[in-house]
Amino acid sequence: MKILLTNDDGIYAEGIYALYQELKKIATVTVVAPQSERSSVGHGITLSHPIWYKEIFLHNKLFGYGITGTPADCVKFAISVILKDKPDLVVSGINLGANDGCSVIYSGTAAAAREGALLGIPSIAMSLGTFIKPDFRQAAKYGAKLAKIFAKEGMPKGTFLNVNVPAVKPSLIKGIRMTRQGTEPIHSAFYKRKDPNFRNYYWMSGKPPVKKTSNDLDTCALNNRYVTVTPILSDTTDNLFFEKMKERVF
């Protein structure tokens, strides 16, 4: 099995290295990731300037290839330039912080997996539900387990899996649960501050979605210590509204 591994936290991030350590036990892994952090860039691609790449060595061994583009660029570039053949699976992560609910829209981690799905490759996005003192080892084990399963079983073209792992002790994880994507928006907050020249500037933050009570939703199940696996469609057409409106004469 051949796996393309990428992320949005950058090629030097702890999460991608932890996932690489587990995936290489079951597959041949090629790492192609941004040279620096590209979090929350969504599905942006680079059109206005060139892309450069270089070999990245860790512990005196070739680890992968760092490129100047976005996570979606990484998948496109890897398949077009670096790899001789399409991989059997694209894995993106492990992201620092959960990508549940509406975060999937903004996430560069999810975008890389979506790009793989658009190219007809089974793809998985992996995230760990914390920003504080992360331990990626358990999430990496789940990543390898799911990679092994879905590389064999496949996925519908255009669909990828969005996986979130709770940041708790392994013994406290209740199991793996299939979930739906939450739709509660992230409520933005802008904090007003002053720079050294006493000019006002604003730093964006946000309040997390309101916790729902159904473990069928990714946010709720993650908060209740489940590893959540959510199938995400790249086709965002509202089919119910389409059927309702297609006969209408404008």
Protein backbone atom coordinates (compact mmCIF):
# COMPACT_ATOMS: atom_id res chain seq x y z
CA MET A 1 0.00 0.00 0.00
CA LYS A 2 1.19 3.52 -0.87
CA ILE A 3 0.09 6.51 1.21
CA LEU A 4 0.51 10.21 0.55
CA LEU A 5 0.74 12.03 3.88
CA THR A 6 0.22 15.77 4.22
CA ASN A 7 -1.12 18.36 6.70
CA ASP A 8 -1.73 22.08 7.23
CA ASP A 9 0.40 22.58 10.36
CA GLY A 10 3.57 22.28 8.30
CA ILE A 11 6.06 19.53 7.62
CA TYR A 12 7.88 20.09 10.92
CA ALA A 13 4.74 19.65 13.05
CA GLU A 14 4.62 16.97 15.73
CA GLY A 15 1.32 15.58 14.46
CA ILE A 16 2.49 14.65 10.99
CA TYR A 17 5.60 12.96 12.35
CA ALA A 18 3.59 10.89 14.85
CA LEU A 19 1.21 9.78 12.10
CA TYR A 20 4.14 8.97 9.80
CA GLN A 21 5.64 6.72 12.49
CA GLU A 22 2.45 4.61 12.58
CA LEU A 23 1.60 4.64 8.87
CA LYS A 24 5.05 3.46 7.81
CA LYS A 25 4.37 0.22 9.71
CA ILE A 26 1.62 -0.67 7.23
CA ALA A 27 2.55 1.18 4.03
CA THR A 28 5.09 3.01 1.93
CA VAL A 29 4.60 6.64 2.95
CA THR A 30 5.50 9.77 0.99
CA VAL A 31 5.30 13.01 2.96
CA VAL A 32 4.50 16.20 1.03
CA ALA A 33 3.47 19.09 3.26
CA PRO A 34 3.69 22.88 3.51
CA GLN A 35 7.08 24.27 4.52
CA SER A 36 5.34 26.43 7.14
CA GLU A 37 2.00 26.43 8.92
CA ARG A 38 -1.02 26.97 6.65
CA SER A 39 -3.88 26.46 9.10
CA SER A 40 -7.41 27.60 8.19
CA VAL A 41 -6.58 28.34 4.55
CA GLY A 42 -9.49 26.22 3.38
CA HIS A 43 -9.24 24.78 -0.13
CA GLY A 44 -7.12 27.59 -1.53
CA ILE A 45 -4.62 26.83 -4.29
CA THR A 46 -1.63 28.84 -5.49
CA LEU A 47 -2.08 30.61 -8.83
CA SER A 48 -0.47 34.02 -8.41
CA HIS A 49 3.14 32.96 -7.80
CA PRO A 50 5.40 29.93 -8.31
CA ILE A 51 5.67 26.89 -6.05
CA TRP A 52 9.05 25.78 -4.75
CA TYR A 53 9.85 22.55 -2.97
CA LYS A 54 12.79 20.97 -1.21
CA GLU A 55 13.76 17.72 0.47
CA ILE A 56 13.33 17.68 4.25
CA PHE A 57 15.65 15.54 6.37
CA LEU A 58 14.96 14.47 9.95
CA HIS A 59 17.44 12.46 12.00
CA ASN A 60 19.76 12.36 8.98
CA LYS A 61 17.12 10.59 6.85
CA LEU A 62 14.85 11.86 4.10
CA PHE A 63 11.50 12.53 5.73
CA GLY A 64 9.60 14.17 2.90
CA TYR A 65 9.15 17.21 0.70
CA GLY A 66 8.25 20.67 1.91
CA ILE A 67 6.48 22.95 -0.56
CA THR A 68 5.62 26.62 -0.48
CA GLY A 69 1.96 26.05 -1.30
CA THR A 70 -1.25 25.20 0.52
CA PRO A 71 -2.41 21.77 1.73
CA ALA A 72 -4.51 21.34 -1.42
CA ASP A 73 -1.44 22.32 -3.47
CA CYS A 74 0.53 19.60 -1.71
CA VAL A 75 -1.81 16.88 -2.93
CA LYS A 76 -1.92 18.24 -6.49
CA PHE A 77 1.85 18.75 -6.61
CA ALA A 78 2.69 15.36 -5.11
CA ILE A 79 0.59 13.49 -7.65
CA SER A 80 1.68 15.61 -10.63
CA VAL A 81 5.39 16.04 -9.86
CA ILE A 82 6.78 13.87 -7.07
CA LEU A 83 4.97 10.53 -7.25
CA LYS A 84 5.24 8.17 -10.19
CA ASP A 85 1.82 6.64 -9.54
CA LYS A 86 -1.31 7.71 -7.68
CA PRO A 87 -1.26 6.65 -4.03
CA ASP A 88 -3.76 4.16 -2.67
CA LEU A 89 -4.70 6.60 0.07
CA VAL A 90 -4.27 10.25 1.04
CA VAL A 91 -4.02 11.00 4.77
CA SER A 92 -3.97 14.57 6.10
CA GLY A 93 -2.95 15.40 9.68
CA ILE A 94 -2.73 14.99 12.54
CA ASN A 95 -4.06 18.50 13.02
CA LEU A 96 -3.49 20.35 16.27
CA GLY A 97 -7.05 21.09 17.36
CA ALA A 98 -10.36 19.52 16.37
CA ASN A 99 -11.90 19.98 12.93
CA ASP A 100 -15.51 19.23 13.77
CA GLY A 101 -18.71 20.93 12.70
CA CYS A 102 -18.24 24.07 10.60
CA SER A 103 -14.47 23.98 11.15
CA VAL A 104 -14.37 21.56 8.22
CA ILE A 105 -15.19 24.46 5.90
CA TYR A 106 -12.13 26.46 6.95
CA SER A 107 -9.73 23.60 7.56
CA GLY A 108 -6.64 23.13 5.42
CA THR A 109 -6.38 19.62 6.87
CA ALA A 110 -9.82 18.74 5.53
CA ALA A 111 -9.09 20.49 2.22
CA ALA A 112 -6.11 18.24 1.53
CA ALA A 113 -8.28 15.16 2.05
CA ARG A 114 -11.01 16.70 -0.11
CA GLU A 115 -8.47 17.28 -2.89
CA GLY A 116 -7.53 13.62 -2.74
CA ALA A 117 -11.21 12.66 -2.90
CA LEU A 118 -11.76 14.89 -5.93
CA LEU A 119 -8.93 13.02 -7.65
CA GLY A 120 -10.63 9.70 -6.96
CA ILE A 121 -8.33 8.62 -4.11
CA PRO A 122 -9.72 7.41 -0.76
CA SER A 123 -8.75 10.13 1.71
CA ILE A 124 -8.81 10.73 5.46
CA ALA A 125 -8.39 13.93 7.48
CA MET A 126 -7.16 13.44 11.06
CA SER A 127 -7.39 15.91 13.97
CA LEU A 128 -6.72 15.83 17.70
CA GLY A 129 -9.19 17.67 19.92
CA THR A 130 -6.82 19.91 21.87
CA PHE A 131 -4.43 22.83 21.55
CA ILE A 132 -2.78 22.25 24.92
CA LYS A 133 0.00 19.70 25.59
CA PRO A 134 -0.96 17.42 22.70
CA ASP A 135 -0.01 13.75 22.69
CA PHE A 136 -0.49 12.54 19.14
CA ARG A 137 0.49 8.91 19.68
CA GLN A 138 -2.97 7.48 20.32
CA ALA A 139 -4.53 9.48 17.47
CA ALA A 140 -1.79 8.18 15.17
CA LYS A 141 -2.69 4.60 16.05
CA TYR A 142 -6.32 5.26 15.16
CA GLY A 143 -5.14 6.87 11.93
CA ALA A 144 -3.21 3.76 10.93
CA LYS A 145 -6.14 1.51 11.85
CA LEU A 146 -8.59 3.49 9.74
CA ALA A 147 -6.11 3.83 6.88
CA LYS A 148 -5.74 0.07 6.70
CA ILE A 149 -9.50 -0.46 6.68
CA PHE A 150 -10.50 2.16 4.11
CA ALA A 151 -7.58 1.67 1.75
CA LYS A 152 -9.00 -1.82 1.29
CA GLU A 153 -12.72 -1.00 1.37
CA GLY A 154 -12.48 2.25 -0.61
CA MET A 155 -14.85 5.20 -0.62
CA PRO A 156 -17.26 6.78 -3.09
CA LYS A 157 -15.49 9.19 -5.43
CA GLY A 158 -15.65 12.69 -4.03
CA THR A 159 -16.16 11.54 -0.43
CA PHE A 160 -13.52 11.70 2.30
CA LEU A 161 -13.52 10.83 5.99
CA ASN A 162 -13.11 13.52 8.62
CA VAL A 163 -11.76 11.96 11.82
CA ASN A 164 -11.46 13.64 15.23
CA VAL A 165 -9.80 11.99 18.22
CA PRO A 166 -10.48 13.15 21.79
CA ALA A 167 -7.40 14.24 23.74
CA VAL A 168 -7.88 11.91 26.69
CA LYS A 169 -6.14 8.84 28.04
CA PRO A 170 -6.63 5.78 25.78
CA SER A 171 -8.60 4.02 28.52
CA LEU A 172 -11.16 6.86 28.53
CA ILE A 173 -11.96 6.70 24.80
CA LYS A 174 -15.36 5.04 24.38
CA GLY A 175 -14.74 3.80 20.85
CA ILE A 176 -15.13 4.81 17.22
CA ARG A 177 -18.46 6.33 16.17
CA MET A 178 -19.83 7.26 12.77
CA THR A 179 -21.22 10.80 12.99
CA ARG A 180 -22.80 13.57 10.98
CA GLN A 181 -21.12 16.95 10.58
CA GLY A 182 -22.45 19.54 12.98
CA THR A 183 -23.86 22.73 11.48
CA GLU A 184 -23.73 25.07 14.47
CA PRO A 185 -21.61 28.07 13.40
CA ILE A 186 -18.46 29.19 15.15
CA HIS A 187 -19.31 32.51 16.79
CA SER A 188 -16.49 34.92 16.00
CA ALA A 189 -15.12 37.44 18.47
CA PHE A 190 -12.68 40.25 17.66
CA TYR A 191 -10.42 41.55 20.41
CA LYS A 192 -9.32 45.16 20.10
CA ARG A 193 -5.69 45.90 20.92
CA LYS A 194 -3.03 48.51 20.19
CA ASP A 195 0.27 48.08 18.38
CA PRO A 196 3.52 49.83 19.52
CA ASN A 197 2.47 52.91 17.53
CA PHE A 198 -0.87 53.03 19.40
CA ARG A 199 -2.88 52.07 16.33
CA ASN A 200 -5.89 49.86 16.85
CA TYR A 201 -5.84 46.33 15.52
CA TYR A 202 -8.09 43.34 16.01
CA TRP A 203 -7.31 39.71 16.79
CA MET A 204 -9.98 37.24 15.75
CA SER A 205 -11.01 34.48 18.10
CA GLY A 206 -14.25 32.60 18.48
CA LYS A 207 -16.58 30.71 20.74
CA PRO A 208 -17.01 26.99 20.05
CA PRO A 209 -20.38 25.68 18.89
CA VAL A 210 -23.10 25.06 21.43
CA LYS A 211 -22.88 21.48 22.64
CA LYS A 212 -25.69 19.31 21.32
CA THR A 213 -27.02 16.25 23.08
CA SER A 214 -26.92 13.77 20.19
CA ASN A 215 -23.87 11.55 19.73
CA ASP A 216 -24.81 11.38 16.06
CA LEU A 217 -23.17 14.82 15.71
CA ASP A 218 -19.38 15.00 15.54
CA THR A 219 -18.97 17.83 18.06
CA CYS A 220 -21.13 16.15 20.69
CA ALA A 221 -19.63 12.69 20.25
CA LEU A 222 -16.09 14.10 20.39
CA ASN A 223 -16.92 15.94 23.63
CA ASN A 224 -18.25 12.63 24.96
CA ARG A 225 -14.89 10.95 24.25
CA TYR A 226 -15.66 9.12 21.01
CA VAL A 227 -13.35 8.99 18.01
CA THR A 228 -15.64 10.51 15.39
CA VAL A 229 -15.62 9.43 11.75
CA THR A 230 -17.69 11.66 9.46
CA PRO A 231 -18.07 11.03 5.72
CA ILE A 232 -17.91 14.37 3.90
CA LEU A 233 -19.18 14.94 0.36
CA SER A 234 -17.29 17.23 -1.98
CA ASP A 235 -20.52 17.83 -3.90
CA THR A 236 -22.22 20.51 -1.81
CA THR A 237 -25.39 20.74 -3.91
CA ASP A 238 -28.55 21.06 -1.82
CA ASN A 239 -30.43 18.30 -3.62
CA LEU A 240 -33.70 18.73 -1.74
CA PHE A 241 -33.87 22.42 -2.60
CA PHE A 242 -32.76 21.67 -6.15
CA GLU A 243 -35.69 19.27 -6.64
CA LYS A 244 -38.06 21.82 -5.18
CA MET A 245 -36.86 24.70 -7.33
CA LYS A 246 -35.90 23.11 -10.66
CA GLU A 247 -39.43 23.39 -12.10
CA ARG A 248 -39.79 27.00 -11.10
CA VAL A 249 -39.93 29.55 -13.88
CA PHE A 250 -37.95 32.71 -13.15
